[in-house]
PDB file of N, CA and C in Angstrom:
ATOM      1  N   UNK A   1     232.412  43.867  42.009  1.00  0.00           N
ATOM      2  CA  UNK A   1     232.009  42.496  42.481  1.00  0.00           C
ATOM      3  C   UNK A   1     231.789  42.508  44.060  1.00  0.00           C
ATOM      4  N   UNK A   2     230.779  41.866  44.519  1.00  0.00           N
ATOM      5  CA  UNK A   2     230.365  41.877  45.943  1.00  0.00           C
ATOM      6  C   UNK A   2     231.512  41.175  46.678  1.00  0.00           C
ATOM      7  N   UNK A   3     231.716  41.571  47.925  1.00  0.00           N
ATOM      8  CA  UNK A   3     232.731  40.994  48.754  1.00  0.00           C
ATOM      9  C   UNK A   3     232.099  39.620  49.208  1.00  0.00           C
ATOM     10  N   UNK A   4     233.017  38.562  49.184  1.00  0.00           N
ATOM     11  CA  UNK A   4     232.524  37.309  49.728  1.00  0.00           C
ATOM     12  C   UNK A   4     232.628  37.148  51.216  1.00  0.00           C
ATOM     13  N   UNK A   5     231.503  36.862  51.809  1.00  0.00           N
ATOM     14  CA  UNK A   5     231.561  36.792  53.259  1.00  0.00           C
ATOM     15  C   UNK A   5     231.892  35.301  53.704  1.00  0.00           C
ATOM     16  N   UNK A   6     232.779  35.146  54.704  1.00  0.00           N
ATOM     17  CA  UNK A   6     233.127  33.879  55.256  1.00  0.00           C
ATOM     18  C   UNK A   6     232.286  33.549  56.591  1.00  0.00           C
ATOM     19  N   UNK A   7     231.056  33.292  56.342  1.00  0.00           N
ATOM     20  CA  UNK A   7     230.150  33.002  57.506  1.00  0.00           C
ATOM     21  C   UNK A   7     230.589  31.758  58.243  1.00  0.00           C
ATOM     22  N   UNK A   8     230.046  31.527  59.382  1.00  0.00           N
ATOM     23  CA  UNK A   8     230.281  30.354  60.068  1.00  0.00           C
ATOM     24  C   UNK A   8     229.750  29.186  59.290  1.00  0.00           C
ATOM     25  N   UNK A   9     228.501  29.300  58.737  1.00  0.00           N
ATOM     26  CA  UNK A   9     227.851  28.206  57.927  1.00  0.00           C
ATOM     27  C   UNK A   9     228.842  27.969  56.723  1.00  0.00           C
ATOM     28  N   UNK A  10     229.209  28.928  56.031  1.00  0.00           N
ATOM     29  CA  UNK A  10     230.100  28.688  54.880  1.00  0.00           C
ATOM     30  C   UNK A  10     231.294  27.931  55.247  1.00  0.00           C
ATOM     31  N   UNK A  11     231.930  28.251  56.302  1.00  0.00           N
ATOM     32  CA  UNK A  11     233.219  27.658  56.742  1.00  0.00           C
ATOM     33  C   UNK A  11     232.942  26.222  57.219  1.00  0.00           C
ATOM     34  N   UNK A  12     231.837  25.901  57.755  1.00  0.00           N
ATOM     35  CA  UNK A  12     231.519  24.559  58.194  1.00  0.00           C
ATOM     36  C   UNK A  12     231.184  23.647  56.956  1.00  0.00           C
ATOM     37  N   UNK A  13     230.494  24.280  55.950  1.00  0.00           N
ATOM     38  CA  UNK A  13     230.143  23.578  54.703  1.00  0.00           C
ATOM     39  C   UNK A  13     231.508  23.174  54.012  1.00  0.00           C
ATOM     40  N   UNK A  14     232.339  24.205  53.817  1.00  0.00           N
ATOM     41  CA  UNK A  14     233.681  24.049  53.085  1.00  0.00           C
ATOM     42  C   UNK A  14     234.552  23.100  53.901  1.00  0.00           C
ATOM     43  N   UNK A  15     234.542  23.209  55.162  1.00  0.00           N
ATOM     44  CA  UNK A  15     235.335  22.196  55.971  1.00  0.00           C
ATOM     45  C   UNK A  15     234.926  20.783  55.772  1.00  0.00           C
ATOM     46  N   UNK A  16     233.543  20.690  55.744  1.00  0.00           N
ATOM     47  CA  UNK A  16     233.090  19.240  55.554  1.00  0.00           C
ATOM     48  C   UNK A  16     233.508  18.733  54.166  1.00  0.00           C
ATOM     49  N   UNK A  17     233.338  19.577  53.103  1.00  0.00           N
ATOM     50  CA  UNK A  17     233.660  19.091  51.753  1.00  0.00           C
ATOM     51  C   UNK A  17     235.145  18.795  51.661  1.00  0.00           C
ATOM     52  N   UNK A  18     236.073  19.542  52.359  1.00  0.00           N
ATOM     53  CA  UNK A  18     237.382  19.277  52.234  1.00  0.00           C
ATOM     54  C   UNK A  18     237.854  18.002  53.081  1.00  0.00           C
ATOM     55  N   UNK A  19     236.956  17.659  53.934  1.00  0.00           N
ATOM     56  CA  UNK A  19     237.260  16.455  54.770  1.00  0.00           C
ATOM     57  C   UNK A  19     236.825  15.130  54.275  1.00  0.00           C
ATOM     58  N   UNK A  20     236.044  15.204  53.196  1.00  0.00           N
ATOM     59  CA  UNK A  20     235.552  13.851  52.533  1.00  0.00           C
ATOM     60  C   UNK A  20     235.990  13.703  51.191  1.00  0.00           C
ATOM     61  N   UNK A  21     235.961  12.454  50.691  1.00  0.00           N
ATOM     62  CA  UNK A  21     236.307  12.180  49.402  1.00  0.00           C
ATOM     63  C   UNK A  21     235.105  11.531  48.654  1.00  0.00           C
ATOM     64  N   UNK A  22     233.956  11.816  49.045  1.00  0.00           N
ATOM     65  CA  UNK A  22     232.750  11.058  48.638  1.00  0.00           C
ATOM     66  C   UNK A  22     231.959  11.835  47.644  1.00  0.00           C
ATOM     67  N   UNK A  23     232.103  13.033  47.308  1.00  0.00           N
ATOM     68  CA  UNK A  23     231.347  13.878  46.370  1.00  0.00           C
ATOM     69  C   UNK A  23     230.019  14.071  46.683  1.00  0.00           C
ATOM     70  N   UNK A  24     229.617  14.541  47.917  1.00  0.00           N
ATOM     71  CA  UNK A  24     228.331  14.506  48.444  1.00  0.00           C
ATOM     72  C   UNK A  24     227.327  15.356  47.571  1.00  0.00           C
ATOM     73  N   UNK A  25     226.034  15.184  47.814  1.00  0.00           N
ATOM     74  CA  UNK A  25     224.971  16.049  47.284  1.00  0.00           C
ATOM     75  C   UNK A  25     224.763  16.998  48.351  1.00  0.00           C
ATOM     76  N   UNK A  26     223.929  18.034  48.088  1.00  0.00           N
ATOM     77  CA  UNK A  26     223.648  19.175  48.965  1.00  0.00           C
ATOM     78  C   UNK A  26     222.991  18.518  50.220  1.00  0.00           C
ATOM     79  N   UNK A  27     222.105  17.593  50.062  1.00  0.00           N
ATOM     80  CA  UNK A  27     221.339  17.035  51.078  1.00  0.00           C
ATOM     81  C   UNK A  27     222.271  16.263  52.041  1.00  0.00           C
ATOM     82  N   UNK A  28     223.288  15.617  51.520  1.00  0.00           N
ATOM     83  CA  UNK A  28     224.322  14.865  52.463  1.00  0.00           C
ATOM     84  C   UNK A  28     225.079  15.932  53.114  1.00  0.00           C
ATOM     85  N   UNK A  29     225.523  17.030  52.503  1.00  0.00           N
ATOM     86  CA  UNK A  29     226.169  18.058  53.148  1.00  0.00           C
ATOM     87  C   UNK A  29     225.391  18.624  54.370  1.00  0.00           C
ATOM     88  N   UNK A  30     224.000  18.924  53.978  1.00  0.00           N
ATOM     89  CA  UNK A  30     223.224  19.496  55.073  1.00  0.00           C
ATOM     90  C   UNK A  30     223.147  18.509  56.288  1.00  0.00           C
ATOM     91  N   UNK A  31     222.886  17.287  56.023  1.00  0.00           N
ATOM     92  CA  UNK A  31     222.810  16.364  57.253  1.00  0.00           C
ATOM     93  C   UNK A  31     224.042  16.320  58.072  1.00  0.00           C
ATOM     94  N   UNK A  32     225.226  16.363  57.397  1.00  0.00           N
ATOM     95  CA  UNK A  32     226.503  16.404  58.128  1.00  0.00           C
ATOM     96  C   UNK A  32     226.701  17.644  58.962  1.00  0.00           C
ATOM     97  N   UNK A  33     226.428  18.901  58.290  1.00  0.00           N
ATOM     98  CA  UNK A  33     226.737  20.156  58.895  1.00  0.00           C
ATOM     99  C   UNK A  33     225.655  20.443  59.921  1.00  0.00           C
ATOM    100  N   UNK A  34     224.405  19.959  59.773  1.00  0.00           N
ATOM    101  CA  UNK A  34     223.451  20.103  60.667  1.00  0.00           C
ATOM    102  C   UNK A  34     223.825  19.589  62.105  1.00  0.00           C
ATOM    103  N   UNK A  35     224.615  18.590  62.193  1.00  0.00           N
ATOM    104  CA  UNK A  35     225.130  18.049  63.521  1.00  0.00           C
ATOM    105  C   UNK A  35     225.865  19.163  64.321  1.00  0.00           C
ATOM    106  N   UNK A  36     226.547  19.904  63.615  1.00  0.00           N
ATOM    107  CA  UNK A  36     227.272  20.989  64.287  1.00  0.00           C
ATOM    108  C   UNK A  36     226.572  22.307  64.410  1.00  0.00           C
ATOM    109  N   UNK A  37     225.688  22.550  63.373  1.00  0.00           N
ATOM    110  CA  UNK A  37     224.865  23.850  63.362  1.00  0.00           C
ATOM    111  C   UNK A  37     223.395  23.444  63.256  1.00  0.00           C
ATOM    112  N   UNK A  38     222.757  23.048  64.240  1.00  0.00           N
ATOM    113  CA  UNK A  38     221.431  22.540  64.244  1.00  0.00           C
ATOM    114  C   UNK A  38     220.441  23.607  63.593  1.00  0.00           C
ATOM    115  N   UNK A  39     220.699  24.748  63.605  1.00  0.00           N
ATOM    116  CA  UNK A  39     219.783  25.780  63.094  1.00  0.00           C
ATOM    117  C   UNK A  39     219.888  26.101  61.576  1.00  0.00           C
ATOM    118  N   UNK A  40     220.912  25.502  60.989  1.00  0.00           N
ATOM    119  CA  UNK A  40     221.186  25.683  59.544  1.00  0.00           C
ATOM    120  C   UNK A  40     219.993  25.084  58.731  1.00  0.00           C
ATOM    121  N   UNK A  41     219.586  25.717  57.577  1.00  0.00           N
ATOM    122  CA  UNK A  41     218.559  25.199  56.778  1.00  0.00           C
ATOM    123  C   UNK A  41     219.097  24.606  55.583  1.00  0.00           C
ATOM    124  N   UNK A  42     218.374  23.779  54.815  1.00  0.00           N
ATOM    125  CA  UNK A  42     218.853  23.189  53.629  1.00  0.00           C
ATOM    126  C   UNK A  42     218.978  24.200  52.522  1.00  0.00           C
ATOM    127  N   UNK A  43     218.196  25.342  52.623  1.00  0.00           N
ATOM    128  CA  UNK A  43     218.300  26.491  51.652  1.00  0.00           C
ATOM    129  C   UNK A  43     219.672  27.170  51.827  1.00  0.00           C
ATOM    130  N   UNK A  44     220.116  27.393  53.073  1.00  0.00           N
ATOM    131  CA  UNK A  44     221.397  28.025  53.291  1.00  0.00           C
ATOM    132  C   UNK A  44     222.540  27.184  52.780  1.00  0.00           C
ATOM    133  N   UNK A  45     222.368  25.857  52.968  1.00  0.00           N
ATOM    134  CA  UNK A  45     223.400  24.900  52.296  1.00  0.00           C
ATOM    135  C   UNK A  45     223.501  25.046  50.873  1.00  0.00           C
ATOM    136  N   UNK A  46     222.275  24.994  50.151  1.00  0.00           N
ATOM    137  CA  UNK A  46     222.262  25.129  48.729  1.00  0.00           C
ATOM    138  C   UNK A  46     222.818  26.414  48.257  1.00  0.00           C
ATOM    139  N   UNK A  47     222.457  27.524  48.974  1.00  0.00           N
ATOM    140  CA  UNK A  47     222.859  28.857  48.540  1.00  0.00           C
ATOM    141  C   UNK A  47     224.494  28.911  48.715  1.00  0.00           C
ATOM    142  N   UNK A  48     225.050  28.530  49.799  1.00  0.00           N
ATOM    143  CA  UNK A  48     226.503  28.525  50.043  1.00  0.00           C
ATOM    144  C   UNK A  48     227.194  27.608  48.939  1.00  0.00           C
ATOM    145  N   UNK A  49     226.647  26.438  48.785  1.00  0.00           N
ATOM    146  CA  UNK A  49     227.291  25.460  47.788  1.00  0.00           C
ATOM    147  C   UNK A  49     227.357  26.138  46.373  1.00  0.00           C
ATOM    148  N   UNK A  50     226.179  26.611  45.979  1.00  0.00           N
ATOM    149  CA  UNK A  50     226.202  27.295  44.665  1.00  0.00           C
ATOM    150  C   UNK A  50     227.062  28.442  44.475  1.00  0.00           C
ATOM    151  N   UNK A  51     227.104  29.288  45.533  1.00  0.00           N
ATOM    152  CA  UNK A  51     227.921  30.471  45.465  1.00  0.00           C
ATOM    153  C   UNK A  51     229.430  30.067  45.441  1.00  0.00           C
ATOM    154  N   UNK A  52     229.758  29.090  46.292  1.00  0.00           N
ATOM    155  CA  UNK A  52     231.227  28.664  46.292  1.00  0.00           C
ATOM    156  C   UNK A  52     231.590  28.016  44.947  1.00  0.00           C
ATOM    157  N   UNK A  53     230.660  27.336  44.414  1.00  0.00           N
ATOM    158  CA  UNK A  53     230.875  26.760  42.996  1.00  0.00           C
ATOM    159  C   UNK A  53     231.071  27.811  41.996  1.00  0.00           C
ATOM    160  N   UNK A  54     230.205  28.828  41.956  1.00  0.00           N
ATOM    161  CA  UNK A  54     230.302  29.941  41.178  1.00  0.00           C
ATOM    162  C   UNK A  54     231.650  30.645  41.249  1.00  0.00           C
ATOM    163  N   UNK A  55     232.130  30.802  42.588  1.00  0.00           N
ATOM    164  CA  UNK A  55     233.410  31.524  42.858  1.00  0.00           C
ATOM    165  C   UNK A  55     234.575  30.631  42.669  1.00  0.00           C
ATOM    166  N   UNK A  56     234.295  29.273  42.271  1.00  0.00           N
ATOM    167  CA  UNK A  56     235.440  28.328  41.912  1.00  0.00           C
ATOM    168  C   UNK A  56     236.114  27.900  43.164  1.00  0.00           C
ATOM    169  N   UNK A  57     235.545  28.047  44.384  1.00  0.00           N
ATOM    170  CA  UNK A  57     236.137  27.535  45.619  1.00  0.00           C
ATOM    171  C   UNK A  57     235.861  26.051  45.733  1.00  0.00           C
ATOM    172  N   UNK A  58     234.870  25.422  45.073  1.00  0.00           N
ATOM    173  CA  UNK A  58     234.607  24.086  45.136  1.00  0.00           C
ATOM    174  C   UNK A  58     234.175  23.620  43.677  1.00  0.00           C
ATOM    175  N   UNK A  59     234.075  22.346  43.443  1.00  0.00           N
ATOM    176  CA  UNK A  59     233.652  21.877  42.118  1.00  0.00           C
ATOM    177  C   UNK A  59     232.186  21.399  42.309  1.00  0.00           C
ATOM    178  N   UNK A  60     231.375  21.662  41.200  1.00  0.00           N
ATOM    179  CA  UNK A  60     229.950  21.157  41.267  1.00  0.00           C
ATOM    180  C   UNK A  60     229.794  20.471  39.901  1.00  0.00           C
ATOM    181  N   UNK A  61     229.319  19.233  39.930  1.00  0.00           N
ATOM    182  CA  UNK A  61     229.022  18.578  38.663  1.00  0.00           C
ATOM    183  C   UNK A  61     227.856  17.667  38.756  1.00  0.00           C
ATOM    184  N   UNK A  62     227.190  17.573  37.722  1.00  0.00           N
ATOM    185  CA  UNK A  62     225.928  16.826  37.715  1.00  0.00           C
ATOM    186  C   UNK A  62     226.155  15.264  37.295  1.00  0.00           C
ATOM    187  N   UNK A  63     225.577  14.473  38.126  1.00  0.00           N
ATOM    188  CA  UNK A  63     225.648  13.050  37.861  1.00  0.00           C
ATOM    189  C   UNK A  63     224.222  12.554  37.906  1.00  0.00           C
ATOM    190  N   UNK A  64     223.726  11.989  36.749  1.00  0.00           N
ATOM    191  CA  UNK A  64     222.276  11.671  36.807  1.00  0.00           C
ATOM    192  C   UNK A  64     221.367  12.952  36.939  1.00  0.00           C
ATOM    193  N   UNK A  65     220.612  12.967  37.871  1.00  0.00           N
ATOM    194  CA  UNK A  65     219.753  14.161  38.075  1.00  0.00           C
ATOM    195  C   UNK A  65     220.120  14.896  39.319  1.00  0.00           C
ATOM    196  N   UNK A  66     221.386  14.672  39.808  1.00  0.00           N
ATOM    197  CA  UNK A  66     221.755  15.430  41.061  1.00  0.00           C
ATOM    198  C   UNK A  66     223.115  16.102  40.878  1.00  0.00           C
ATOM    199  N   UNK A  67     223.244  17.188  41.531  1.00  0.00           N
ATOM    200  CA  UNK A  67     224.533  17.790  41.547  1.00  0.00           C
ATOM    201  C   UNK A  67     225.334  17.246  42.677  1.00  0.00           C
ATOM    202  N   UNK A  68     226.585  17.094  42.491  1.00  0.00           N
ATOM    203  CA  UNK A  68     227.503  16.623  43.571  1.00  0.00           C
ATOM    204  C   UNK A  68     228.596  17.752  43.714  1.00  0.00           C
ATOM    205  N   UNK A  69     229.253  17.701  44.866  1.00  0.00           N
ATOM    206  CA  UNK A  69     230.202  18.773  45.149  1.00  0.00           C
ATOM    207  C   UNK A  69     231.454  18.188  45.631  1.00  0.00           C
ATOM    208  N   UNK A  70     232.535  18.952  45.307  1.00  0.00           N
ATOM    209  CA  UNK A  70     233.927  18.385  45.674  1.00  0.00           C
ATOM    210  C   UNK A  70     234.821  19.505  46.129  1.00  0.00           C
ATOM    211  N   UNK A  71     235.338  19.339  47.241  1.00  0.00           N
ATOM    212  CA  UNK A  71     236.143  20.337  47.868  1.00  0.00           C
ATOM    213  C   UNK A  71     237.529  20.380  47.260  1.00  0.00           C
ATOM    214  N   UNK A  72     237.883  19.414  46.520  1.00  0.00           N
ATOM    215  CA  UNK A  72     239.193  19.359  45.816  1.00  0.00           C
ATOM    216  C   UNK A  72     239.103  20.016  44.519  1.00  0.00           C
ATOM    217  N   UNK A  73     239.734  21.119  44.378  1.00  0.00           N
ATOM    218  CA  UNK A  73     239.683  21.826  43.051  1.00  0.00           C
ATOM    219  C   UNK A  73     240.879  21.682  42.303  1.00  0.00           C
ATOM    220  N   UNK A  74     241.828  20.865  42.751  1.00  0.00           N
ATOM    221  CA  UNK A  74     242.990  20.555  41.861  1.00  0.00           C
ATOM    222  C   UNK A  74     242.601  19.905  40.598  1.00  0.00           C
ATOM    223  N   UNK A  75     243.590  19.865  39.641  1.00  0.00           N
ATOM    224  CA  UNK A  75     243.311  19.299  38.328  1.00  0.00           C
ATOM    225  C   UNK A  75     243.272  17.803  38.575  1.00  0.00           C
ATOM    226  N   UNK A  76     241.865  17.350  38.287  1.00  0.00           N
ATOM    227  CA  UNK A  76     241.669  15.809  38.395  1.00  0.00           C
ATOM    228  C   UNK A  76     240.323  15.521  37.674  1.00  0.00           C
ATOM    229  N   UNK A  77     240.059  14.209  37.505  1.00  0.00           N
ATOM    230  CA  UNK A  77     238.972  13.763  36.831  1.00  0.00           C
ATOM    231  C   UNK A  77     238.020  12.989  37.763  1.00  0.00           C
ATOM    232  N   UNK A  78     236.833  12.631  37.254  1.00  0.00           N
ATOM    233  CA  UNK A  78     235.925  11.821  38.110  1.00  0.00           C
ATOM    234  C   UNK A  78     235.424  10.515  37.394  1.00  0.00           C
ATOM    235  N   UNK A  79     235.339   9.426  38.114  1.00  0.00           N
ATOM    236  CA  UNK A  79     234.866   8.175  37.534  1.00  0.00           C
ATOM    237  C   UNK A  79     233.476   7.932  38.165  1.00  0.00           C
ATOM    238  N   UNK A  80     232.480   7.725  37.350  1.00  0.00           N
ATOM    239  CA  UNK A  80     231.174   7.400  37.941  1.00  0.00           C
ATOM    240  C   UNK A  80     230.849   5.968  37.608  1.00  0.00           C
ATOM    241  N   UNK A  81     230.429   5.188  38.673  1.00  0.00           N
ATOM    242  CA  UNK A  81     230.022   3.818  38.536  1.00  0.00           C
ATOM    243  C   UNK A  81     228.554   3.934  37.964  1.00  0.00           C
ATOM    244  N   UNK A  82     228.262   3.305  36.824  1.00  0.00           N
ATOM    245  CA  UNK A  82     226.889   3.300  36.182  1.00  0.00           C
ATOM    246  C   UNK A  82     226.030   2.395  36.910  1.00  0.00           C
ATOM    247  N   UNK A  83     226.611   1.459  37.772  1.00  0.00           N
ATOM    248  CA  UNK A  83     225.723   0.446  38.525  1.00  0.00           C
ATOM    249  C   UNK A  83     225.308   0.993  39.873  1.00  0.00           C
ATOM    250  N   UNK A  84     226.307   1.425  40.725  1.00  0.00           N
ATOM    251  CA  UNK A  84     225.882   1.892  42.145  1.00  0.00           C
ATOM    252  C   UNK A  84     226.036   3.338  42.219  1.00  0.00           C
ATOM    253  N   UNK A  85     226.514   4.087  41.417  1.00  0.00           N
ATOM    254  CA  UNK A  85     226.530   5.612  41.468  1.00  0.00           C
ATOM    255  C   UNK A  85     227.798   6.114  42.171  1.00  0.00           C
ATOM    256  N   UNK A  86     228.677   5.335  42.616  1.00  0.00           N
ATOM    257  CA  UNK A  86     229.827   5.764  43.311  1.00  0.00           C
ATOM    258  C   UNK A  86     230.751   6.696  42.410  1.00  0.00           C
ATOM    259  N   UNK A  87     231.329   7.629  42.996  1.00  0.00           N
ATOM    260  CA  UNK A  87     232.172   8.637  42.291  1.00  0.00           C
ATOM    261  C   UNK A  87     233.659   8.496  42.750  1.00  0.00           C
ATOM    262  N   UNK A  88     234.534   8.272  41.977  1.00  0.00           N
ATOM    263  CA  UNK A  88     235.860   8.034  42.372  1.00  0.00           C
ATOM    264  C   UNK A  88     236.786   9.215  41.803  1.00  0.00           C
ATOM    265  N   UNK A  89     237.726   9.799  42.520  1.00  0.00           N
ATOM    266  CA  UNK A  89     238.637  10.689  41.906  1.00  0.00           C
ATOM    267  C   UNK A  89     239.694   9.960  41.129  1.00  0.00           C
ATOM    268  N   UNK A  90     240.193  10.595  40.024  1.00  0.00           N
ATOM    269  CA  UNK A  90     241.201  10.111  39.169  1.00  0.00           C
ATOM    270  C   UNK A  90     242.161  11.323  38.911  1.00  0.00           C
ATOM    271  N   UNK A  91     243.349  11.137  39.257  1.00  0.00           N
ATOM    272  CA  UNK A  91     244.401  12.175  39.187  1.00  0.00           C
ATOM    273  C   UNK A  91     245.325  12.029  38.166  1.00  0.00           C
ATOM    274  N   UNK A  92     244.949  12.466  36.928  1.00  0.00           N
ATOM    275  CA  UNK A  92     245.866  12.338  35.740  1.00  0.00           C
ATOM    276  C   UNK A  92     245.924  13.724  35.196  1.00  0.00           C
ATOM    277  N   UNK A  93     246.825  14.462  35.706  1.00  0.00           N
ATOM    278  CA  UNK A  93     247.007  15.911  35.343  1.00  0.00           C
ATOM    279  C   UNK A  93     247.266  16.090  33.895  1.00  0.00           C
ATOM    280  N   UNK A  94     248.012  15.224  33.289  1.00  0.00           N
ATOM    281  CA  UNK A  94     248.455  15.248  31.931  1.00  0.00           C
ATOM    282  C   UNK A  94     247.202  15.112  31.070  1.00  0.00           C
ATOM    283  N   UNK A  95     246.264  14.448  31.376  1.00  0.00           N
ATOM    284  CA  UNK A  95     244.985  14.224  30.583  1.00  0.00           C
ATOM    285  C   UNK A  95     244.268  15.607  30.473  1.00  0.00           C
ATOM    286  N   UNK A  96     244.087  16.270  31.627  1.00  0.00           N
ATOM    287  CA  UNK A  96     243.371  17.541  31.601  1.00  0.00           C
ATOM    288  C   UNK A  96     244.344  18.642  30.839  1.00  0.00           C
ATOM    289  N   UNK A  97     245.555  18.645  31.137  1.00  0.00           N
ATOM    290  CA  UNK A  97     246.452  19.592  30.340  1.00  0.00           C
ATOM    291  C   UNK A  97     246.345  19.353  28.888  1.00  0.00           C
ATOM    292  N   UNK A  98     246.483  18.068  28.436  1.00  0.00           N
ATOM    293  CA  UNK A  98     246.385  17.794  27.001  1.00  0.00           C
ATOM    294  C   UNK A  98     245.051  18.254  26.433  1.00  0.00           C
ATOM    295  N   UNK A  99     243.910  17.924  27.058  1.00  0.00           N
ATOM    296  CA  UNK A  99     242.625  18.299  26.581  1.00  0.00           C
ATOM    297  C   UNK A  99     242.593  19.773  26.386  1.00  0.00           C
ATOM    298  N   UNK A 100     243.018  20.563  27.454  1.00  0.00           N
ATOM    299  CA  UNK A 100     243.005  21.984  27.399  1.00  0.00           C
ATOM    300  C   UNK A 100     243.758  22.554  26.108  1.00  0.00           C
ATOM    301  N   UNK A 101     244.976  21.945  25.892  1.00  0.00           N
ATOM    302  CA  UNK A 101     245.739  22.429  24.762  1.00  0.00           C
ATOM    303  C   UNK A 101     245.128  22.111  23.434  1.00  0.00           C
ATOM    304  N   UNK A 102     244.435  20.985  23.330  1.00  0.00           N
ATOM    305  CA  UNK A 102     243.864  20.529  22.052  1.00  0.00           C
ATOM    306  C   UNK A 102     242.483  21.119  21.674  1.00  0.00           C
ATOM    307  N   UNK A 103     241.777  21.686  22.665  1.00  0.00           N
ATOM    308  CA  UNK A 103     240.547  22.333  22.317  1.00  0.00           C
ATOM    309  C   UNK A 103     240.838  23.521  21.432  1.00  0.00           C
ATOM    310  N   UNK A 104     239.989  23.602  20.311  1.00  0.00           N
ATOM    311  CA  UNK A 104     240.186  24.750  19.439  1.00  0.00           C
ATOM    312  C   UNK A 104     238.769  25.276  18.999  1.00  0.00           C
ATOM    313  N   UNK A 105     238.225  26.253  19.685  1.00  0.00           N
ATOM    314  CA  UNK A 105     237.021  26.762  19.445  1.00  0.00           C
ATOM    315  C   UNK A 105     237.220  28.280  19.170  1.00  0.00           C
ATOM    316  N   UNK A 106     236.870  28.793  17.909  1.00  0.00           N
ATOM    317  CA  UNK A 106     237.049  30.093  17.616  1.00  0.00           C
ATOM    318  C   UNK A 106     236.377  31.140  18.679  1.00  0.00           C
ATOM    319  N   UNK A 107     237.141  32.091  19.148  1.00  0.00           N
ATOM    320  CA  UNK A 107     236.555  33.122  19.997  1.00  0.00           C
ATOM    321  C   UNK A 107     236.451  32.596  21.465  1.00  0.00           C
ATOM    322  N   UNK A 108     237.207  31.450  21.770  1.00  0.00           N
ATOM    323  CA  UNK A 108     237.100  30.986  23.194  1.00  0.00           C
ATOM    324  C   UNK A 108     238.290  30.431  23.626  1.00  0.00           C
ATOM    325  N   UNK A 109     238.721  30.815  24.860  1.00  0.00           N
ATOM    326  CA  UNK A 109     240.037  30.303  25.443  1.00  0.00           C
ATOM    327  C   UNK A 109     239.683  29.448  26.686  1.00  0.00           C
ATOM    328  N   UNK A 110     239.750  28.057  26.659  1.00  0.00           N
ATOM    329  CA  UNK A 110     239.355  27.242  27.749  1.00  0.00           C
ATOM    330  C   UNK A 110     240.330  27.436  28.972  1.00  0.00           C
ATOM    331  N   UNK A 111     239.798  27.422  30.125  1.00  0.00           N
ATOM    332  CA  UNK A 111     240.658  27.600  31.368  1.00  0.00           C
ATOM    333  C   UNK A 111     240.582  26.342  32.367  1.00  0.00           C
ATOM    334  N   UNK A 112     239.509  25.628  32.068  1.00  0.00           N
ATOM    335  CA  UNK A 112     239.320  24.471  32.920  1.00  0.00           C
ATOM    336  C   UNK A 112     238.493  23.405  32.322  1.00  0.00           C
ATOM    337  N   UNK A 113     238.797  22.100  32.552  1.00  0.00           N
ATOM    338  CA  UNK A 113     237.991  21.014  32.121  1.00  0.00           C
ATOM    339  C   UNK A 113     237.532  20.079  33.105  1.00  0.00           C
ATOM    340  N   UNK A 114     236.397  19.725  32.909  1.00  0.00           N
ATOM    341  CA  UNK A 114     235.805  18.707  33.822  1.00  0.00           C
ATOM    342  C   UNK A 114     235.545  17.402  33.050  1.00  0.00           C
ATOM    343  N   UNK A 115     236.153  16.384  33.410  1.00  0.00           N
ATOM    344  CA  UNK A 115     236.057  15.055  32.774  1.00  0.00           C
ATOM    345  C   UNK A 115     235.475  14.053  33.705  1.00  0.00           C
ATOM    346  N   UNK A 116     234.309  13.482  33.229  1.00  0.00           N
ATOM    347  CA  UNK A 116     233.655  12.396  33.945  1.00  0.00           C
ATOM    348  C   UNK A 116     233.618  11.113  33.094  1.00  0.00           C
ATOM    349  N   UNK A 117     234.326  10.058  33.567  1.00  0.00           N
ATOM    350  CA  UNK A 117     234.376   8.791  32.953  1.00  0.00           C
ATOM    351  C   UNK A 117     233.206   7.980  33.491  1.00  0.00           C
ATOM    352  N   UNK A 118     232.548   7.202  32.715  1.00  0.00           N
ATOM    353  CA  UNK A 118     231.503   6.368  33.199  1.00  0.00           C
ATOM    354  C   UNK A 118     231.935   4.827  32.948  1.00  0.00           C
ATOM    355  N   UNK A 119     231.654   4.037  33.881  1.00  0.00           N
ATOM    356  CA  UNK A 119     231.966   2.608  33.725  1.00  0.00           C
ATOM    357  C   UNK A 119     231.406   1.989  35.028  1.00  0.00           C
ATOM    358  N   UNK A 120     232.255   0.947  35.538  1.00  0.00           N
ATOM    359  CA  UNK A 120     231.878   0.136  36.600  1.00  0.00           C
ATOM    360  C   UNK A 120     233.030  -0.028  37.735  1.00  0.00           C
ATOM    361  N   UNK A 121     232.628   0.308  38.891  1.00  0.00           N
ATOM    362  CA  UNK A 121     233.678   0.153  39.941  1.00  0.00           C
ATOM    363  C   UNK A 121     234.125  -1.205  40.198  1.00  0.00           C
ATOM    364  N   UNK A 122     235.120  -1.477  41.004  1.00  0.00           N
ATOM    365  CA  UNK A 122     235.686  -2.779  41.166  1.00  0.00           C
ATOM    366  C   UNK A 122     234.589  -3.806  41.705  1.00  0.00           C
ATOM    367  N   UNK A 123     233.876  -3.293  42.722  1.00  0.00           N
ATOM    368  CA  UNK A 123     232.915  -4.118  43.357  1.00  0.00           C
ATOM    369  C   UNK A 123     231.781  -4.529  42.434  1.00  0.00           C
ATOM    370  N   UNK A 124     231.291  -3.478  41.627  1.00  0.00           N
ATOM    371  CA  UNK A 124     230.241  -3.832  40.781  1.00  0.00           C
ATOM    372  C   UNK A 124     230.668  -4.779  39.505  1.00  0.00           C
ATOM    373  N   UNK A 125     231.933  -4.498  39.137  1.00  0.00           N
ATOM    374  CA  UNK A 125     232.400  -5.470  38.127  1.00  0.00           C
ATOM    375  C   UNK A 125     232.592  -6.939  38.521  1.00  0.00           C
ATOM    376  N   UNK A 126     232.689  -7.163  39.827  1.00  0.00           N
ATOM    377  CA  UNK A 126     232.814  -8.549  40.417  1.00  0.00           C
ATOM    378  C   UNK A 126     231.520  -9.217  40.405  1.00  0.00           C
ATOM    379  N   UNK A 127     230.388  -8.479  40.415  1.00  0.00           N
ATOM    380  CA  UNK A 127     229.082  -9.047  40.554  1.00  0.00           C
ATOM    381  C   UNK A 127     228.626  -9.766  39.329  1.00  0.00           C
TER     382      UNK A 127
END
């Protein structure tokens, strides 16, 4: 396995993801990191995000037609508002643990579960 490099770009991207709770897209990450690293390209951001997701340093999940990224890799779920698209963290460790214990697929041992609940956030429910 190739050695993972901790470049300045990667560290800035990871630092940004760990500092926010908004589950940004690659374009949002790019705009934020570009303020500190003006020479960074969108392609570099995409490559780093995808590599970090493959290496399980961050979470990547698809909502609608876009990938979103999360610097918090602890056991938690996500709630997506079907009206405004907002993504909210949900920390119910027991739910993930229960799901992992109950999955029974021959020839497969699950190690991780990503749960995405769809509904309406409080603000959209009031409208």
